[in-house]
Amino acid sequence: MITSIDFQNLTEDLKSYVLLNNGQHVAERTYGIYSIQLYAVYGFFVEVYYLPGSDEIDQIVAVNSSEILDLYLDNINITDIYM
């Protein structure tokens, strides 16, 4: 298992590999020109910045701020929990 700091120090290719094999998609949001996907992996969160239309990843960043996570709250569906 790796920490968010270890993850951030990986190459972009290794970050993608870790997310593909161990990450769980949590939510998404739009910011400017980006479609940003939020993943949970190894007890921390990671944002993946996509350029829509090209399906290219611009950056992959470990999230260390609850302020960033707050941006996703309106997009997370929890209705299954209460049914």
N, C-alpha and C. Protein backbone atom coordinates (compact mmCIF):
# COMPACT_ATOMS: atom_id res chain seq x y z
N MET A 1 0.85 -1.18 0.00
CA MET A 1 0.00 0.00 0.00
C MET A 1 0.89 1.25 0.00
N ILE A 2 0.42 2.30 -0.65
CA ILE A 2 1.20 3.53 -0.74
C ILE A 2 0.42 4.69 -0.13
N THR A 3 1.12 5.73 0.23
CA THR A 3 0.49 6.94 0.76
C THR A 3 0.20 7.90 -0.38
N SER A 4 -0.55 8.96 -0.07
CA SER A 4 -0.84 9.96 -1.09
C SER A 4 0.44 10.66 -1.56
N ILE A 5 1.40 10.82 -0.67
CA ILE A 5 2.68 11.43 -1.04
C ILE A 5 3.46 10.52 -1.98
N ASP A 6 3.49 9.21 -1.66
CA ASP A 6 4.14 8.25 -2.55
C ASP A 6 3.48 8.27 -3.92
N PHE A 7 2.13 8.28 -3.92
CA PHE A 7 1.38 8.28 -5.16
C PHE A 7 1.73 9.50 -6.00
N GLN A 8 1.78 10.67 -5.37
CA GLN A 8 2.04 11.91 -6.09
C GLN A 8 3.42 11.91 -6.73
N ASN A 9 4.35 11.14 -6.17
CA ASN A 9 5.71 11.09 -6.70
C ASN A 9 5.88 10.07 -7.84
N LEU A 10 4.82 9.31 -8.15
CA LEU A 10 4.87 8.35 -9.25
C LEU A 10 4.80 9.09 -10.60
N THR A 11 5.22 8.41 -11.64
CA THR A 11 5.04 8.96 -12.99
C THR A 11 3.55 8.92 -13.33
N GLU A 12 3.15 9.68 -14.33
CA GLU A 12 1.74 9.69 -14.75
C GLU A 12 1.29 8.30 -15.19
N ASP A 13 2.16 7.56 -15.86
CA ASP A 13 1.81 6.21 -16.30
C ASP A 13 1.56 5.29 -15.10
N LEU A 14 2.41 5.37 -14.07
CA LEU A 14 2.21 4.54 -12.89
C LEU A 14 0.98 4.95 -12.10
N LYS A 15 0.70 6.26 -12.05
CA LYS A 15 -0.53 6.72 -11.39
C LYS A 15 -1.74 6.13 -12.08
N SER A 16 -1.74 6.16 -13.40
CA SER A 16 -2.85 5.59 -14.17
C SER A 16 -3.00 4.10 -13.90
N TYR A 17 -1.89 3.40 -13.85
CA TYR A 17 -1.90 1.96 -13.58
C TYR A 17 -2.49 1.66 -12.21
N VAL A 18 -2.06 2.40 -11.20
CA VAL A 18 -2.57 2.20 -9.84
C VAL A 18 -4.07 2.44 -9.79
N LEU A 19 -4.54 3.52 -10.41
CA LEU A 19 -5.97 3.81 -10.41
C LEU A 19 -6.77 2.77 -11.16
N LEU A 20 -6.26 2.33 -12.29
CA LEU A 20 -6.96 1.33 -13.09
C LEU A 20 -7.12 0.02 -12.34
N ASN A 21 -6.09 -0.37 -11.61
CA ASN A 21 -6.09 -1.67 -10.94
C ASN A 21 -6.58 -1.64 -9.50
N ASN A 22 -6.55 -0.49 -8.85
CA ASN A 22 -6.90 -0.44 -7.43
C ASN A 22 -7.88 0.67 -7.06
N GLY A 23 -8.17 1.57 -7.98
CA GLY A 23 -9.02 2.71 -7.68
C GLY A 23 -10.51 2.41 -7.83
N GLN A 24 -11.29 3.15 -7.08
CA GLN A 24 -12.76 3.05 -7.14
C GLN A 24 -13.28 4.44 -7.53
N HIS A 25 -14.01 4.51 -8.65
CA HIS A 25 -14.58 5.79 -9.08
C HIS A 25 -15.64 6.22 -8.08
N VAL A 26 -15.57 7.48 -7.64
CA VAL A 26 -16.49 7.98 -6.62
C VAL A 26 -17.46 9.00 -7.19
N ALA A 27 -16.95 9.97 -7.93
CA ALA A 27 -17.80 11.06 -8.43
C ALA A 27 -17.08 11.79 -9.55
N GLU A 28 -17.80 12.76 -10.14
CA GLU A 28 -17.20 13.59 -11.17
C GLU A 28 -17.75 14.99 -11.07
N ARG A 29 -17.00 15.92 -11.64
CA ARG A 29 -17.42 17.31 -11.70
C ARG A 29 -16.79 17.95 -12.92
N THR A 30 -17.29 19.11 -13.27
CA THR A 30 -16.74 19.87 -14.39
C THR A 30 -16.14 21.15 -13.83
N TYR A 31 -14.98 21.50 -14.33
CA TYR A 31 -14.32 22.75 -13.95
C TYR A 31 -13.63 23.30 -15.18
N GLY A 32 -14.11 24.45 -15.63
CA GLY A 32 -13.54 25.05 -16.85
C GLY A 32 -13.64 24.09 -18.01
N ILE A 33 -12.52 23.80 -18.62
CA ILE A 33 -12.50 22.91 -19.78
C ILE A 33 -12.37 21.44 -19.38
N TYR A 34 -12.25 21.15 -18.08
CA TYR A 34 -11.95 19.80 -17.62
C TYR A 34 -13.18 19.04 -17.14
N SER A 35 -13.16 17.76 -17.38
CA SER A 35 -14.03 16.81 -16.71
C SER A 35 -13.14 16.15 -15.67
N ILE A 36 -13.47 16.35 -14.39
CA ILE A 36 -12.61 15.85 -13.33
C ILE A 36 -13.29 14.66 -12.65
N GLN A 37 -12.58 13.55 -12.63
CA GLN A 37 -13.08 12.32 -12.03
C GLN A 37 -12.40 12.12 -10.68
N LEU A 38 -13.20 11.77 -9.66
CA LEU A 38 -12.66 11.53 -8.32
C LEU A 38 -12.62 10.03 -8.07
N TYR A 39 -11.46 9.55 -7.62
CA TYR A 39 -11.26 8.14 -7.30
C TYR A 39 -10.80 8.00 -5.86
N ALA A 40 -11.17 6.89 -5.24
CA ALA A 40 -10.64 6.50 -3.93
C ALA A 40 -9.66 5.37 -4.17
N VAL A 41 -8.50 5.46 -3.53
CA VAL A 41 -7.49 4.41 -3.66
C VAL A 41 -6.62 4.42 -2.41
N TYR A 42 -6.43 3.27 -1.80
CA TYR A 42 -5.55 3.12 -0.64
C TYR A 42 -5.83 4.12 0.49
N GLY A 43 -7.08 4.50 0.68
CA GLY A 43 -7.43 5.38 1.80
C GLY A 43 -7.28 6.86 1.54
N PHE A 44 -7.04 7.25 0.32
CA PHE A 44 -7.00 8.68 -0.03
C PHE A 44 -7.72 8.86 -1.35
N PHE A 45 -7.89 10.12 -1.75
CA PHE A 45 -8.62 10.44 -2.98
C PHE A 45 -7.68 11.02 -4.03
N VAL A 46 -8.06 10.79 -5.29
CA VAL A 46 -7.26 11.27 -6.42
C VAL A 46 -8.21 11.89 -7.44
N GLU A 47 -7.82 13.04 -7.98
CA GLU A 47 -8.56 13.67 -9.07
C GLU A 47 -7.82 13.42 -10.38
N VAL A 48 -8.61 13.05 -11.40
CA VAL A 48 -8.06 12.86 -12.75
C VAL A 48 -8.71 13.91 -13.64
N TYR A 49 -7.90 14.77 -14.22
CA TYR A 49 -8.36 15.86 -15.09
C TYR A 49 -8.33 15.39 -16.54
N TYR A 50 -9.52 15.24 -17.14
CA TYR A 50 -9.66 14.84 -18.54
C TYR A 50 -9.99 16.05 -19.40
N LEU A 51 -9.51 16.02 -20.63
CA LEU A 51 -9.92 17.01 -21.62
C LEU A 51 -11.02 16.37 -22.45
N PRO A 52 -12.28 16.81 -22.26
CA PRO A 52 -13.40 16.19 -22.98
C PRO A 52 -13.20 16.26 -24.49
N GLY A 53 -13.72 15.24 -25.16
CA GLY A 53 -13.60 15.19 -26.61
C GLY A 53 -12.33 14.51 -27.07
N SER A 54 -11.29 14.58 -26.28
CA SER A 54 -10.04 13.95 -26.67
C SER A 54 -9.74 12.73 -25.81
N ASP A 55 -10.43 12.61 -24.68
CA ASP A 55 -10.19 11.53 -23.72
C ASP A 55 -8.74 11.47 -23.26
N GLU A 56 -8.05 12.59 -23.32
CA GLU A 56 -6.68 12.65 -22.84
C GLU A 56 -6.65 13.11 -21.40
N ILE A 57 -5.79 12.49 -20.62
CA ILE A 57 -5.60 12.91 -19.23
C ILE A 57 -4.59 14.03 -19.21
N ASP A 58 -4.97 15.14 -18.57
CA ASP A 58 -4.06 16.27 -18.45
C ASP A 58 -3.21 16.16 -17.19
N GLN A 59 -3.84 15.73 -16.09
CA GLN A 59 -3.09 15.55 -14.85
C GLN A 59 -3.82 14.62 -13.90
N ILE A 60 -3.05 14.03 -12.99
CA ILE A 60 -3.58 13.15 -11.96
C ILE A 60 -2.99 13.65 -10.64
N VAL A 61 -3.87 14.02 -9.70
CA VAL A 61 -3.43 14.69 -8.49
C VAL A 61 -4.06 14.06 -7.26
N ALA A 62 -3.24 13.70 -6.26
CA ALA A 62 -3.76 13.24 -4.98
C ALA A 62 -4.39 14.43 -4.27
N VAL A 63 -5.57 14.21 -3.67
CA VAL A 63 -6.32 15.28 -3.01
C VAL A 63 -6.06 15.22 -1.51
N ASN A 64 -5.59 16.33 -0.97
CA ASN A 64 -5.29 16.40 0.46
C ASN A 64 -6.13 17.45 1.18
N SER A 65 -7.19 17.90 0.54
CA SER A 65 -7.98 18.99 1.11
C SER A 65 -9.46 18.63 1.14
N SER A 66 -10.08 18.81 2.30
CA SER A 66 -11.52 18.55 2.39
C SER A 66 -12.31 19.57 1.58
N GLU A 67 -11.72 20.75 1.32
CA GLU A 67 -12.40 21.76 0.51
C GLU A 67 -12.61 21.24 -0.92
N ILE A 68 -11.66 20.50 -1.44
CA ILE A 68 -11.81 19.91 -2.77
C ILE A 68 -12.92 18.86 -2.74
N LEU A 69 -12.93 18.03 -1.72
CA LEU A 69 -13.94 16.98 -1.62
C LEU A 69 -15.34 17.58 -1.50
N ASP A 70 -15.47 18.72 -0.86
CA ASP A 70 -16.77 19.39 -0.73
C ASP A 70 -17.38 19.72 -2.10
N LEU A 71 -16.54 19.92 -3.11
CA LEU A 71 -17.03 20.24 -4.45
C LEU A 71 -17.82 19.09 -5.07
N TYR A 72 -17.66 17.89 -4.54
CA TYR A 72 -18.32 16.71 -5.08
C TYR A 72 -19.61 16.35 -4.35
N LEU A 73 -19.88 16.95 -3.22
CA LEU A 73 -20.99 16.52 -2.38
C LEU A 73 -22.34 16.53 -3.09
N ASP A 74 -22.60 17.52 -3.90
CA ASP A 74 -23.89 17.60 -4.61
C ASP A 74 -24.02 16.53 -5.69
N ASN A 75 -22.92 15.93 -6.11
CA ASN A 75 -22.94 14.95 -7.19
C ASN A 75 -22.95 13.50 -6.73
N ILE A 76 -22.89 13.27 -5.42
CA ILE A 76 -22.86 11.91 -4.91
C ILE A 76 -24.26 11.47 -4.54
N ASN A 77 -24.72 10.40 -5.15
CA ASN A 77 -26.05 9.87 -4.92
C ASN A 77 -26.02 8.84 -3.80
N ILE A 78 -26.73 9.13 -2.70
CA ILE A 78 -26.77 8.22 -1.57
C ILE A 78 -28.16 7.65 -1.34
N THR A 79 -29.04 7.75 -2.31
CA THR A 79 -30.42 7.27 -2.12
C THR A 79 -30.47 5.78 -1.87
N ASP A 80 -29.54 5.00 -2.42
CA ASP A 80 -29.54 3.55 -2.18
C ASP A 80 -29.32 3.21 -0.71
N ILE A 81 -28.69 4.07 0.02
CA ILE A 81 -28.42 3.82 1.43
C ILE A 81 -29.72 3.83 2.22
N TYR A 82 -30.66 4.64 1.83
CA TYR A 82 -31.89 4.82 2.60
C TYR A 82 -33.03 3.96 2.09
N MET A 83 -32.83 3.13 1.11
CA MET A 83 -33.91 2.30 0.56
C MET A 83 -33.86 0.90 1.10
